[in-house]
């Protein structure tokens, strides 16, 4: 499942086609997920409700490829960062 507020429309048309399912928002994208992979730093990704994230993800792994989150805070929230 993927979510990108800026690139999803073009990705659907060109690069990824129907091989990826696109979510309507960040929370829909991570529902039931084992891990969250952040590869962009759009505003929607910068201040999530970590309690909500924890409640809807199956796992607790966060890969932050843009270094937009505080590792200490996420570890304190019981995420593997």
PDB file of N, CA and C in Angstrom:
ATOM      1  N   UNK A   1       0.853  -1.171   0.000  1.00  0.00           N
ATOM      2  CA  UNK A   1       0.000   0.000   0.000  1.00  0.00           C
ATOM      3  C   UNK A   1       0.896   1.230   0.000  1.00  0.00           C
ATOM      4  N   UNK A   2       0.536   2.227  -0.775  1.00  0.00           N
ATOM      5  CA  UNK A   2       1.350   3.438  -0.881  1.00  0.00           C
ATOM      6  C   UNK A   2       0.480   4.678  -0.750  1.00  0.00           C
ATOM      7  N   UNK A   3       1.100   5.744  -0.258  1.00  0.00           N
ATOM      8  CA  UNK A   3       0.441   7.044  -0.209  1.00  0.00           C
ATOM      9  C   UNK A   3       1.473   8.124  -0.466  1.00  0.00           C
ATOM     10  N   UNK A   4       1.209   8.955  -1.440  1.00  0.00           N
ATOM     11  CA  UNK A   4       2.019  10.138  -1.711  1.00  0.00           C
ATOM     12  C   UNK A   4       1.065  11.182  -2.268  1.00  0.00           C
ATOM     13  N   UNK A   5       0.841  12.260  -1.531  1.00  0.00           N
ATOM     14  CA  UNK A   5      -0.145  13.247  -1.959  1.00  0.00           C
ATOM     15  C   UNK A   5       0.202  13.955  -3.260  1.00  0.00           C
ATOM     16  N   UNK A   6       1.452  13.921  -3.656  1.00  0.00           N
ATOM     17  CA  UNK A   6       1.871  14.620  -4.867  1.00  0.00           C
ATOM     18  C   UNK A   6       2.132  13.696  -6.050  1.00  0.00           C
ATOM     19  N   UNK A   7       2.668  12.529  -5.806  1.00  0.00           N
ATOM     20  CA  UNK A   7       3.140  11.683  -6.906  1.00  0.00           C
ATOM     21  C   UNK A   7       2.208  10.542  -7.297  1.00  0.00           C
ATOM     22  N   UNK A   8       1.210  10.241  -6.507  1.00  0.00           N
ATOM     23  CA  UNK A   8       0.377   9.064  -6.766  1.00  0.00           C
ATOM     24  C   UNK A   8      -0.303   9.100  -8.133  1.00  0.00           C
ATOM     25  N   UNK A   9      -0.817  10.248  -8.510  1.00  0.00           N
ATOM     26  CA  UNK A   9      -1.534  10.341  -9.781  1.00  0.00           C
ATOM     27  C   UNK A   9      -0.635   9.973 -10.960  1.00  0.00           C
ATOM     28  N   UNK A  10       0.565  10.525 -10.992  1.00  0.00           N
ATOM     29  CA  UNK A  10       1.503  10.211 -12.075  1.00  0.00           C
ATOM     30  C   UNK A  10       2.005   8.773 -11.989  1.00  0.00           C
ATOM     31  N   UNK A  11       2.257   8.302 -10.785  1.00  0.00           N
ATOM     32  CA  UNK A  11       2.735   6.923 -10.617  1.00  0.00           C
ATOM     33  C   UNK A  11       1.697   5.930 -11.141  1.00  0.00           C
ATOM     34  N   UNK A  12       0.441   6.208 -10.904  1.00  0.00           N
ATOM     35  CA  UNK A  12      -0.627   5.334 -11.402  1.00  0.00           C
ATOM     36  C   UNK A  12      -0.614   5.277 -12.924  1.00  0.00           C
ATOM     37  N   UNK A  13      -0.363   6.419 -13.550  1.00  0.00           N
ATOM     38  CA  UNK A  13      -0.394   6.487 -15.014  1.00  0.00           C
ATOM     39  C   UNK A  13       0.845   5.897 -15.666  1.00  0.00           C
ATOM     40  N   UNK A  14       2.003   6.059 -15.031  1.00  0.00           N
ATOM     41  CA  UNK A  14       3.248   5.726 -15.708  1.00  0.00           C
ATOM     42  C   UNK A  14       4.015   4.582 -15.075  1.00  0.00           C
ATOM     43  N   UNK A  15       4.695   4.871 -14.011  1.00  0.00           N
ATOM     44  CA  UNK A  15       5.705   3.963 -13.470  1.00  0.00           C
ATOM     45  C   UNK A  15       5.156   2.680 -12.884  1.00  0.00           C
ATOM     46  N   UNK A  16       4.144   2.774 -12.062  1.00  0.00           N
ATOM     47  CA  UNK A  16       3.725   1.600 -11.311  1.00  0.00           C
ATOM     48  C   UNK A  16       2.406   0.995 -11.767  1.00  0.00           C
ATOM     49  N   UNK A  17       1.625   1.751 -12.476  1.00  0.00           N
ATOM     50  CA  UNK A  17       0.373   1.230 -12.990  1.00  0.00           C
ATOM     51  C   UNK A  17      -0.502   0.634 -11.901  1.00  0.00           C
ATOM     52  N   UNK A  18      -1.012  -0.575 -12.153  1.00  0.00           N
ATOM     53  CA  UNK A  18      -1.909  -1.245 -11.212  1.00  0.00           C
ATOM     54  C   UNK A  18      -1.173  -2.176 -10.256  1.00  0.00           C
ATOM     55  N   UNK A  19       0.145  -2.177 -10.278  1.00  0.00           N
ATOM     56  CA  UNK A  19       0.901  -3.101  -9.432  1.00  0.00           C
ATOM     57  C   UNK A  19       0.962  -2.668  -7.975  1.00  0.00           C
ATOM     58  N   UNK A  20       0.525  -1.441  -7.689  1.00  0.00           N
ATOM     59  CA  UNK A  20       0.544  -0.916  -6.331  1.00  0.00           C
ATOM     60  C   UNK A  20      -0.853  -0.422  -5.986  1.00  0.00           C
ATOM     61  N   UNK A  21      -1.266  -0.706  -4.761  1.00  0.00           N
ATOM     62  CA  UNK A  21      -2.541  -0.188  -4.283  1.00  0.00           C
ATOM     63  C   UNK A  21      -2.272   1.147  -3.586  1.00  0.00           C
ATOM     64  N   UNK A  22      -3.055   2.160  -3.906  1.00  0.00           N
ATOM     65  CA  UNK A  22      -2.845   3.493  -3.371  1.00  0.00           C
ATOM     66  C   UNK A  22      -3.878   3.813  -2.302  1.00  0.00           C
ATOM     67  N   UNK A  23      -3.417   4.366  -1.193  1.00  0.00           N
ATOM     68  CA  UNK A  23      -4.287   4.738  -0.085  1.00  0.00           C
ATOM     69  C   UNK A  23      -4.733   6.184  -0.222  1.00  0.00           C
ATOM     70  N   UNK A  24      -5.830   6.513   0.449  1.00  0.00           N
ATOM     71  CA  UNK A  24      -6.359   7.875   0.423  1.00  0.00           C
ATOM     72  C   UNK A  24      -5.614   8.806   1.369  1.00  0.00           C
ATOM     73  N   UNK A  25      -4.964   8.217   2.383  1.00  0.00           N
ATOM     74  CA  UNK A  25      -4.231   9.028   3.354  1.00  0.00           C
ATOM     75  C   UNK A  25      -3.166   8.171   4.032  1.00  0.00           C
ATOM     76  N   UNK A  26      -2.336   8.812   4.832  1.00  0.00           N
ATOM     77  CA  UNK A  26      -1.212   8.117   5.468  1.00  0.00           C
ATOM     78  C   UNK A  26      -1.687   7.005   6.402  1.00  0.00           C
ATOM     79  N   UNK A  27      -2.775   7.225   7.104  1.00  0.00           N
ATOM     80  CA  UNK A  27      -3.254   6.219   8.054  1.00  0.00           C
ATOM     81  C   UNK A  27      -3.824   4.997   7.341  1.00  0.00           C
ATOM     82  N   UNK A  28      -4.533   5.219   6.238  1.00  0.00           N
ATOM     83  CA  UNK A  28      -5.025   4.082   5.458  1.00  0.00           C
ATOM     84  C   UNK A  28      -3.858   3.260   4.908  1.00  0.00           C
ATOM     85  N   UNK A  29      -2.776   3.942   4.545  1.00  0.00           N
ATOM     86  CA  UNK A  29      -1.619   3.266   3.960  1.00  0.00           C
ATOM     87  C   UNK A  29      -0.929   2.325   4.944  1.00  0.00           C
ATOM     88  N   UNK A  30      -0.954   2.653   6.223  1.00  0.00           N
ATOM     89  CA  UNK A  30      -0.218   1.840   7.203  1.00  0.00           C
ATOM     90  C   UNK A  30      -1.101   0.902   8.011  1.00  0.00           C
ATOM     91  N   UNK A  31      -2.392   0.941   7.773  1.00  0.00           N
ATOM     92  CA  UNK A  31      -3.292   0.069   8.528  1.00  0.00           C
ATOM     93  C   UNK A  31      -2.927  -1.398   8.296  1.00  0.00           C
ATOM     94  N   UNK A  32      -2.625  -2.097   9.375  1.00  0.00           N
ATOM     95  CA  UNK A  32      -2.268  -3.507   9.303  1.00  0.00           C
ATOM     96  C   UNK A  32      -0.859  -3.786   8.817  1.00  0.00           C
ATOM     97  N   UNK A  33      -0.070  -2.746   8.604  1.00  0.00           N
ATOM     98  CA  UNK A  33       1.284  -2.921   8.066  1.00  0.00           C
ATOM     99  C   UNK A  33       2.267  -3.389   9.137  1.00  0.00           C
ATOM    100  N   UNK A  34       3.262  -4.142   8.710  1.00  0.00           N
ATOM    101  CA  UNK A  34       4.351  -4.548   9.598  1.00  0.00           C
ATOM    102  C   UNK A  34       5.363  -3.430   9.777  1.00  0.00           C
ATOM    103  N   UNK A  35       5.495  -2.585   8.749  1.00  0.00           N
ATOM    104  CA  UNK A  35       6.482  -1.503   8.779  1.00  0.00           C
ATOM    105  C   UNK A  35       5.971  -0.319   7.976  1.00  0.00           C
ATOM    106  N   UNK A  36       6.516   0.832   8.298  1.00  0.00           N
ATOM    107  CA  UNK A  36       6.227   2.068   7.580  1.00  0.00           C
ATOM    108  C   UNK A  36       7.541   2.550   6.970  1.00  0.00           C
ATOM    109  N   UNK A  37       7.537   2.850   5.683  1.00  0.00           N
ATOM    110  CA  UNK A  37       8.738   3.315   4.998  1.00  0.00           C
ATOM    111  C   UNK A  37       8.470   4.733   4.495  1.00  0.00           C
ATOM    112  N   UNK A  38       9.202   5.679   5.022  1.00  0.00           N
ATOM    113  CA  UNK A  38       9.052   7.077   4.630  1.00  0.00           C
ATOM    114  C   UNK A  38      10.136   7.429   3.620  1.00  0.00           C
ATOM    115  N   UNK A  39       9.721   7.833   2.436  1.00  0.00           N
ATOM    116  CA  UNK A  39      10.690   8.189   1.402  1.00  0.00           C
ATOM    117  C   UNK A  39      10.460   9.592   0.866  1.00  0.00           C
ATOM    118  N   UNK A  40       9.584  10.325   1.504  1.00  0.00           N
ATOM    119  CA  UNK A  40       9.332  11.717   1.154  1.00  0.00           C
ATOM    120  C   UNK A  40       9.029  12.482   2.430  1.00  0.00           C
ATOM    121  N   UNK A  41       9.146  13.777   2.376  1.00  0.00           N
ATOM    122  CA  UNK A  41       8.975  14.563   3.599  1.00  0.00           C
ATOM    123  C   UNK A  41       7.809  15.543   3.522  1.00  0.00           C
ATOM    124  N   UNK A  42       6.769  15.170   2.798  1.00  0.00           N
ATOM    125  CA  UNK A  42       5.598  16.028   2.714  1.00  0.00           C
ATOM    126  C   UNK A  42       5.038  16.293   4.109  1.00  0.00           C
ATOM    127  N   UNK A  43       4.343  17.401   4.226  1.00  0.00           N
ATOM    128  CA  UNK A  43       3.794  17.850   5.512  1.00  0.00           C
ATOM    129  C   UNK A  43       2.972  16.745   6.202  1.00  0.00           C
ATOM    130  N   UNK A  44       2.219  15.968   5.438  1.00  0.00           N
ATOM    131  CA  UNK A  44       1.370  14.915   6.000  1.00  0.00           C
ATOM    132  C   UNK A  44       2.155  13.874   6.796  1.00  0.00           C
ATOM    133  N   UNK A  45       3.441  13.750   6.518  1.00  0.00           N
ATOM    134  CA  UNK A  45       4.266  12.734   7.170  1.00  0.00           C
ATOM    135  C   UNK A  45       5.039  13.275   8.373  1.00  0.00           C
ATOM    136  N   UNK A  46       5.074  14.575   8.545  1.00  0.00           N
ATOM    137  CA  UNK A  46       5.949  15.167   9.546  1.00  0.00           C
ATOM    138  C   UNK A  46       5.435  15.101  10.976  1.00  0.00           C
ATOM    139  N   UNK A  47       4.134  15.125  11.175  1.00  0.00           N
ATOM    140  CA  UNK A  47       3.587  15.133  12.539  1.00  0.00           C
ATOM    141  C   UNK A  47       2.405  14.173  12.674  1.00  0.00           C
ATOM    142  N   UNK A  48       2.634  12.901  12.475  1.00  0.00           N
ATOM    143  CA  UNK A  48       1.523  11.964  12.644  1.00  0.00           C
ATOM    144  C   UNK A  48       1.183  11.774  14.122  1.00  0.00           C
ATOM    145  N   UNK A  49       0.028  11.266  14.375  1.00  0.00           N
ATOM    146  CA  UNK A  49      -0.327  10.857  15.736  1.00  0.00           C
ATOM    147  C   UNK A  49       0.299   9.484  15.951  1.00  0.00           C
ATOM    148  N   UNK A  50       1.399   9.430  16.690  1.00  0.00           N
ATOM    149  CA  UNK A  50       2.100   8.166  16.875  1.00  0.00           C
ATOM    150  C   UNK A  50       1.251   7.161  17.641  1.00  0.00           C
ATOM    151  N   UNK A  51       0.367   7.626  18.495  1.00  0.00           N
ATOM    152  CA  UNK A  51      -0.542   6.712  19.190  1.00  0.00           C
ATOM    153  C   UNK A  51      -1.500   6.067  18.196  1.00  0.00           C
ATOM    154  N   UNK A  52      -1.996   6.860  17.261  1.00  0.00           N
ATOM    155  CA  UNK A  52      -2.880   6.303  16.219  1.00  0.00           C
ATOM    156  C   UNK A  52      -2.113   5.342  15.328  1.00  0.00           C
ATOM    157  N   UNK A  53      -0.908   5.734  14.943  1.00  0.00           N
ATOM    158  CA  UNK A  53      -0.076   4.862  14.113  1.00  0.00           C
ATOM    159  C   UNK A  53       0.116   3.514  14.812  1.00  0.00           C
ATOM    160  N   UNK A  54       0.455   3.571  16.081  1.00  0.00           N
ATOM    161  CA  UNK A  54       0.686   2.350  16.845  1.00  0.00           C
ATOM    162  C   UNK A  54      -0.569   1.489  16.911  1.00  0.00           C
ATOM    163  N   UNK A  55      -1.717   2.121  17.027  1.00  0.00           N
ATOM    164  CA  UNK A  55      -2.963   1.366  17.169  1.00  0.00           C
ATOM    165  C   UNK A  55      -3.414   0.702  15.873  1.00  0.00           C
ATOM    166  N   UNK A  56      -2.995   1.217  14.714  1.00  0.00           N
ATOM    167  CA  UNK A  56      -3.476   0.632  13.458  1.00  0.00           C
ATOM    168  C   UNK A  56      -2.438  -0.232  12.735  1.00  0.00           C
ATOM    169  N   UNK A  57      -1.165  -0.072  13.077  1.00  0.00           N
ATOM    170  CA  UNK A  57      -0.149  -0.928  12.459  1.00  0.00           C
ATOM    171  C   UNK A  57      -0.104  -2.277  13.171  1.00  0.00           C
ATOM    172  N   UNK A  58       0.197  -3.318  12.430  1.00  0.00           N
ATOM    173  CA  UNK A  58       0.412  -4.629  13.030  1.00  0.00           C
ATOM    174  C   UNK A  58       1.797  -4.687  13.652  1.00  0.00           C
ATOM    175  N   UNK A  59       2.781  -4.127  12.963  1.00  0.00           N
ATOM    176  CA  UNK A  59       4.159  -4.106  13.454  1.00  0.00           C
ATOM    177  C   UNK A  59       4.494  -2.767  14.082  1.00  0.00           C
ATOM    178  N   UNK A  60       5.785  -2.574  14.324  1.00  0.00           N
ATOM    179  CA  UNK A  60       6.206  -1.329  14.963  1.00  0.00           C
ATOM    180  C   UNK A  60       7.484  -0.751  14.348  1.00  0.00           C
ATOM    181  N   UNK A  61       7.772  -1.098  13.112  1.00  0.00           N
ATOM    182  CA  UNK A  61       9.017  -0.669  12.467  1.00  0.00           C
ATOM    183  C   UNK A  61       8.769   0.580  11.621  1.00  0.00           C
ATOM    184  N   UNK A  62       9.630   1.581  11.800  1.00  0.00           N
ATOM    185  CA  UNK A  62       9.575   2.802  11.008  1.00  0.00           C
ATOM    186  C   UNK A  62      10.933   3.001  10.347  1.00  0.00           C
ATOM    187  N   UNK A  63      10.951   2.968   9.013  1.00  0.00           N
ATOM    188  CA  UNK A  63      12.150   3.293   8.237  1.00  0.00           C
ATOM    189  C   UNK A  63      11.977   4.737   7.776  1.00  0.00           C
ATOM    190  N   UNK A  64      12.792   5.617   8.274  1.00  0.00           N
ATOM    191  CA  UNK A  64      12.677   7.037   7.974  1.00  0.00           C
ATOM    192  C   UNK A  64      13.799   7.446   7.026  1.00  0.00           C
ATOM    193  N   UNK A  65      13.559   7.301   5.747  1.00  0.00           N
ATOM    194  CA  UNK A  65      14.570   7.596   4.745  1.00  0.00           C
ATOM    195  C   UNK A  65      14.859   9.077   4.572  1.00  0.00           C
ATOM    196  N   UNK A  66      14.060   9.944   5.180  1.00  0.00           N
ATOM    197  CA  UNK A  66      14.275  11.386   5.062  1.00  0.00           C
ATOM    198  C   UNK A  66      14.727  12.016   6.383  1.00  0.00           C
ATOM    199  N   UNK A  67      14.857  11.207   7.421  1.00  0.00           N
ATOM    200  CA  UNK A  67      15.302  11.693   8.736  1.00  0.00           C
ATOM    201  C   UNK A  67      14.459  12.865   9.236  1.00  0.00           C
ATOM    202  N   UNK A  68      13.147  12.724   9.152  1.00  0.00           N
ATOM    203  CA  UNK A  68      12.264  13.805   9.586  1.00  0.00           C
ATOM    204  C   UNK A  68      11.738  13.596  11.007  1.00  0.00           C
ATOM    205  N   UNK A  69      12.011  12.440  11.589  1.00  0.00           N
ATOM    206  CA  UNK A  69      11.504  12.156  12.934  1.00  0.00           C
ATOM    207  C   UNK A  69      12.646  12.013  13.936  1.00  0.00           C
ATOM    208  N   UNK A  70      12.309  12.214  15.185  1.00  0.00           N
ATOM    209  CA  UNK A  70      13.275  12.102  16.276  1.00  0.00           C
ATOM    210  C   UNK A  70      13.374  10.638  16.709  1.00  0.00           C
ATOM    211  N   UNK A  71      14.507   9.991  16.468  1.00  0.00           N
ATOM    212  CA  UNK A  71      14.651   8.574  16.822  1.00  0.00           C
ATOM    213  C   UNK A  71      14.362   8.286  18.295  1.00  0.00           C
ATOM    214  N   UNK A  72      14.791   9.171  19.181  1.00  0.00           N
ATOM    215  CA  UNK A  72      14.556   8.957  20.613  1.00  0.00           C
ATOM    216  C   UNK A  72      13.070   8.939  20.929  1.00  0.00           C
ATOM    217  N   UNK A  73      12.339   9.846  20.327  1.00  0.00           N
ATOM    218  CA  UNK A  73      10.896   9.894  20.584  1.00  0.00           C
ATOM    219  C   UNK A  73      10.211   8.632  20.082  1.00  0.00           C
ATOM    220  N   UNK A  74      10.562   8.196  18.876  1.00  0.00           N
ATOM    221  CA  UNK A  74       9.925   7.004  18.346  1.00  0.00           C
ATOM    222  C   UNK A  74      10.268   5.770  19.171  1.00  0.00           C
ATOM    223  N   UNK A  75      11.497   5.666  19.601  1.00  0.00           N
ATOM    224  CA  UNK A  75      11.864   4.545  20.465  1.00  0.00           C
ATOM    225  C   UNK A  75      11.108   4.608  21.775  1.00  0.00           C
ATOM    226  N   UNK A  76      10.919   5.806  22.320  1.00  0.00           N
ATOM    227  CA  UNK A  76      10.150   5.974  23.551  1.00  0.00           C
ATOM    228  C   UNK A  76       8.689   5.572  23.357  1.00  0.00           C
ATOM    229  N   UNK A  77       8.197   5.706  22.130  1.00  0.00           N
ATOM    230  CA  UNK A  77       6.830   5.311  21.799  1.00  0.00           C
ATOM    231  C   UNK A  77       6.746   3.810  21.431  1.00  0.00           C
ATOM    232  N   UNK A  78       7.843   3.094  21.612  1.00  0.00           N
ATOM    233  CA  UNK A  78       7.934   1.648  21.360  1.00  0.00           C
ATOM    234  C   UNK A  78       7.986   1.275  19.881  1.00  0.00           C
ATOM    235  N   UNK A  79       8.511   2.176  19.060  1.00  0.00           N
ATOM    236  CA  UNK A  79       8.738   1.851  17.663  1.00  0.00           C
ATOM    237  C   UNK A  79      10.198   1.442  17.483  1.00  0.00           C
ATOM    238  N   UNK A  80      10.429   0.559  16.534  1.00  0.00           N
ATOM    239  CA  UNK A  80      11.797   0.212  16.129  1.00  0.00           C
ATOM    240  C   UNK A  80      12.137   1.160  14.994  1.00  0.00           C
ATOM    241  N   UNK A  81      13.126   2.030  15.215  1.00  0.00           N
ATOM    242  CA  UNK A  81      13.446   3.090  14.254  1.00  0.00           C
ATOM    243  C   UNK A  81      14.782   2.818  13.603  1.00  0.00           C
TER     244      UNK A  81
END
